[in-house]
Amino acid sequence: MPFPWLHSQLPTELTKTFKDAALDAYRREVRERAALLHHLGYPREHAVARCRQNLEWEYQLHGKAPILDELNALVDAVYKRA
């Protein structure tokens, strides 16, 4: 007995956006975490280390996090704003 809802038929123009949306979500998460750490009084170096550890933990089974190279710039943008 087939179950049609088991295999979704998503349009390819929609599935092409998934990777970019995921990367944007990771960037937003890093910026929010850095802002929180900044508001709590932690230095920039601590925020970078903490965000790096979180990304490495999340990707420990999948290789390197795709935004790891952008991490310093993302945290710097938060700390320079304040």
C-alpha atoms as a PDB file:
ATOM      1  CA  MET A   1       0.000   0.000   0.000  1.00  0.00           C
ATOM      2  CA  PRO A   2       1.678   3.285  -1.086  1.00  0.00           C
ATOM      3  CA  PHE A   3       1.707   6.335   1.108  1.00  0.00           C
ATOM      4  CA  PRO A   4       1.877   9.450  -1.093  1.00  0.00           C
ATOM      5  CA  TRP A   5       2.794  11.762   1.800  1.00  0.00           C
ATOM      6  CA  LEU A   6       5.899   9.703   2.547  1.00  0.00           C
ATOM      7  CA  HIS A   7       7.751  11.040  -0.510  1.00  0.00           C
ATOM      8  CA  SER A   8       7.276  14.767  -0.909  1.00  0.00           C
ATOM      9  CA  GLN A   9       7.485  16.389  -4.303  1.00  0.00           C
ATOM     10  CA  LEU A  10       9.140  19.713  -3.565  1.00  0.00           C
ATOM     11  CA  PRO A  11       9.918  22.001  -6.477  1.00  0.00           C
ATOM     12  CA  THR A  12      13.627  22.250  -7.280  1.00  0.00           C
ATOM     13  CA  GLU A  13      13.561  26.053  -7.129  1.00  0.00           C
ATOM     14  CA  LEU A  14      12.519  25.682  -3.488  1.00  0.00           C
ATOM     15  CA  THR A  15      15.071  23.034  -2.544  1.00  0.00           C
ATOM     16  CA  LYS A  16      17.864  25.164  -4.041  1.00  0.00           C
ATOM     17  CA  THR A  17      17.230  27.756  -1.326  1.00  0.00           C
ATOM     18  CA  PHE A  18      17.628  25.335   1.586  1.00  0.00           C
ATOM     19  CA  LYS A  19      21.438  25.574   1.802  1.00  0.00           C
ATOM     20  CA  ASP A  20      21.467  29.380   1.761  1.00  0.00           C
ATOM     21  CA  ALA A  21      18.680  29.536   4.327  1.00  0.00           C
ATOM     22  CA  ALA A  22      20.594  27.196   6.639  1.00  0.00           C
ATOM     23  CA  LEU A  23      23.775  29.262   6.329  1.00  0.00           C
ATOM     24  CA  ASP A  24      21.825  32.441   7.084  1.00  0.00           C
ATOM     25  CA  ALA A  25      20.351  30.781  10.167  1.00  0.00           C
ATOM     26  CA  TYR A  26      23.824  29.799  11.412  1.00  0.00           C
ATOM     27  CA  ARG A  27      25.099  33.338  10.850  1.00  0.00           C
ATOM     28  CA  ARG A  28      22.131  34.779  12.726  1.00  0.00           C
ATOM     29  CA  GLU A  29      22.712  32.352  15.593  1.00  0.00           C
ATOM     30  CA  VAL A  30      26.378  33.365  15.880  1.00  0.00           C
ATOM     31  CA  ARG A  31      25.477  37.067  15.852  1.00  0.00           C
ATOM     32  CA  GLU A  32      22.791  36.580  18.506  1.00  0.00           C
ATOM     33  CA  ARG A  33      25.082  34.511  20.729  1.00  0.00           C
ATOM     34  CA  ALA A  34      27.886  37.067  20.367  1.00  0.00           C
ATOM     35  CA  ALA A  35      25.487  39.891  21.234  1.00  0.00           C
ATOM     36  CA  LEU A  36      24.312  38.028  24.324  1.00  0.00           C
ATOM     37  CA  LEU A  37      27.868  37.380  25.469  1.00  0.00           C
ATOM     38  CA  HIS A  38      28.767  41.010  24.826  1.00  0.00           C
ATOM     39  CA  HIS A  39      25.801  42.240  26.876  1.00  0.00           C
ATOM     40  CA  LEU A  40      26.866  39.904  29.674  1.00  0.00           C
ATOM     41  CA  GLY A  41      30.287  41.561  29.700  1.00  0.00           C
ATOM     42  CA  TYR A  42      32.408  38.836  28.131  1.00  0.00           C
ATOM     43  CA  PRO A  43      35.372  39.918  26.012  1.00  0.00           C
ATOM     44  CA  ARG A  44      35.437  39.381  22.250  1.00  0.00           C
ATOM     45  CA  GLU A  45      37.917  36.504  22.515  1.00  0.00           C
ATOM     46  CA  HIS A  46      35.576  34.586  24.794  1.00  0.00           C
ATOM     47  CA  ALA A  47      32.660  35.117  22.400  1.00  0.00           C
ATOM     48  CA  VAL A  48      34.717  33.854  19.456  1.00  0.00           C
ATOM     49  CA  ALA A  49      35.855  30.796  21.397  1.00  0.00           C
ATOM     50  CA  ARG A  50      32.354  30.010  22.627  1.00  0.00           C
ATOM     51  CA  CYS A  51      30.779  30.360  19.186  1.00  0.00           C
ATOM     52  CA  ARG A  52      33.556  28.270  17.638  1.00  0.00           C
ATOM     53  CA  GLN A  53      33.019  25.517  20.209  1.00  0.00           C
ATOM     54  CA  ASN A  54      29.277  25.503  19.539  1.00  0.00           C
ATOM     55  CA  LEU A  55      29.783  25.233  15.779  1.00  0.00           C
ATOM     56  CA  GLU A  56      32.416  22.517  16.141  1.00  0.00           C
ATOM     57  CA  TRP A  57      30.170  20.555  18.491  1.00  0.00           C
ATOM     58  CA  GLU A  58      27.245  20.799  16.097  1.00  0.00           C
ATOM     59  CA  TYR A  59      29.354  19.650  13.157  1.00  0.00           C
ATOM     60  CA  GLN A  60      31.530  17.078  14.916  1.00  0.00           C
ATOM     61  CA  LEU A  61      29.957  14.241  12.909  1.00  0.00           C
ATOM     62  CA  HIS A  62      29.728  16.140   9.620  1.00  0.00           C
ATOM     63  CA  GLY A  63      33.142  17.751   9.180  1.00  0.00           C
ATOM     64  CA  LYS A  64      33.895  21.456   9.291  1.00  0.00           C
ATOM     65  CA  ALA A  65      31.136  24.004   9.832  1.00  0.00           C
ATOM     66  CA  PRO A  66      30.602  25.977   6.619  1.00  0.00           C
ATOM     67  CA  ILE A  67      30.668  29.381   8.346  1.00  0.00           C
ATOM     68  CA  LEU A  68      33.700  28.719  10.551  1.00  0.00           C
ATOM     69  CA  ASP A  69      35.850  30.939   8.315  1.00  0.00           C
ATOM     70  CA  GLU A  70      33.399  33.824   8.783  1.00  0.00           C
ATOM     71  CA  LEU A  71      33.219  33.501  12.554  1.00  0.00           C
ATOM     72  CA  ASN A  72      35.703  36.247  13.466  1.00  0.00           C
ATOM     73  CA  ALA A  73      34.058  38.736  11.100  1.00  0.00           C
ATOM     74  CA  LEU A  74      30.580  37.963  12.451  1.00  0.00           C
ATOM     75  CA  VAL A  75      31.639  38.424  16.075  1.00  0.00           C
ATOM     76  CA  ASP A  76      33.689  41.538  15.218  1.00  0.00           C
ATOM     77  CA  ALA A  77      30.639  43.137  13.605  1.00  0.00           C
ATOM     78  CA  VAL A  78      28.666  42.634  16.823  1.00  0.00           C
ATOM     79  CA  TYR A  79      31.402  43.928  19.110  1.00  0.00           C
ATOM     80  CA  LYS A  80      32.165  46.971  16.917  1.00  0.00           C
ATOM     81  CA  ARG A  81      28.488  47.971  16.852  1.00  0.00           C
ATOM     82  CA  ALA A  82      28.275  48.211  20.608  1.00  0.00           C
END
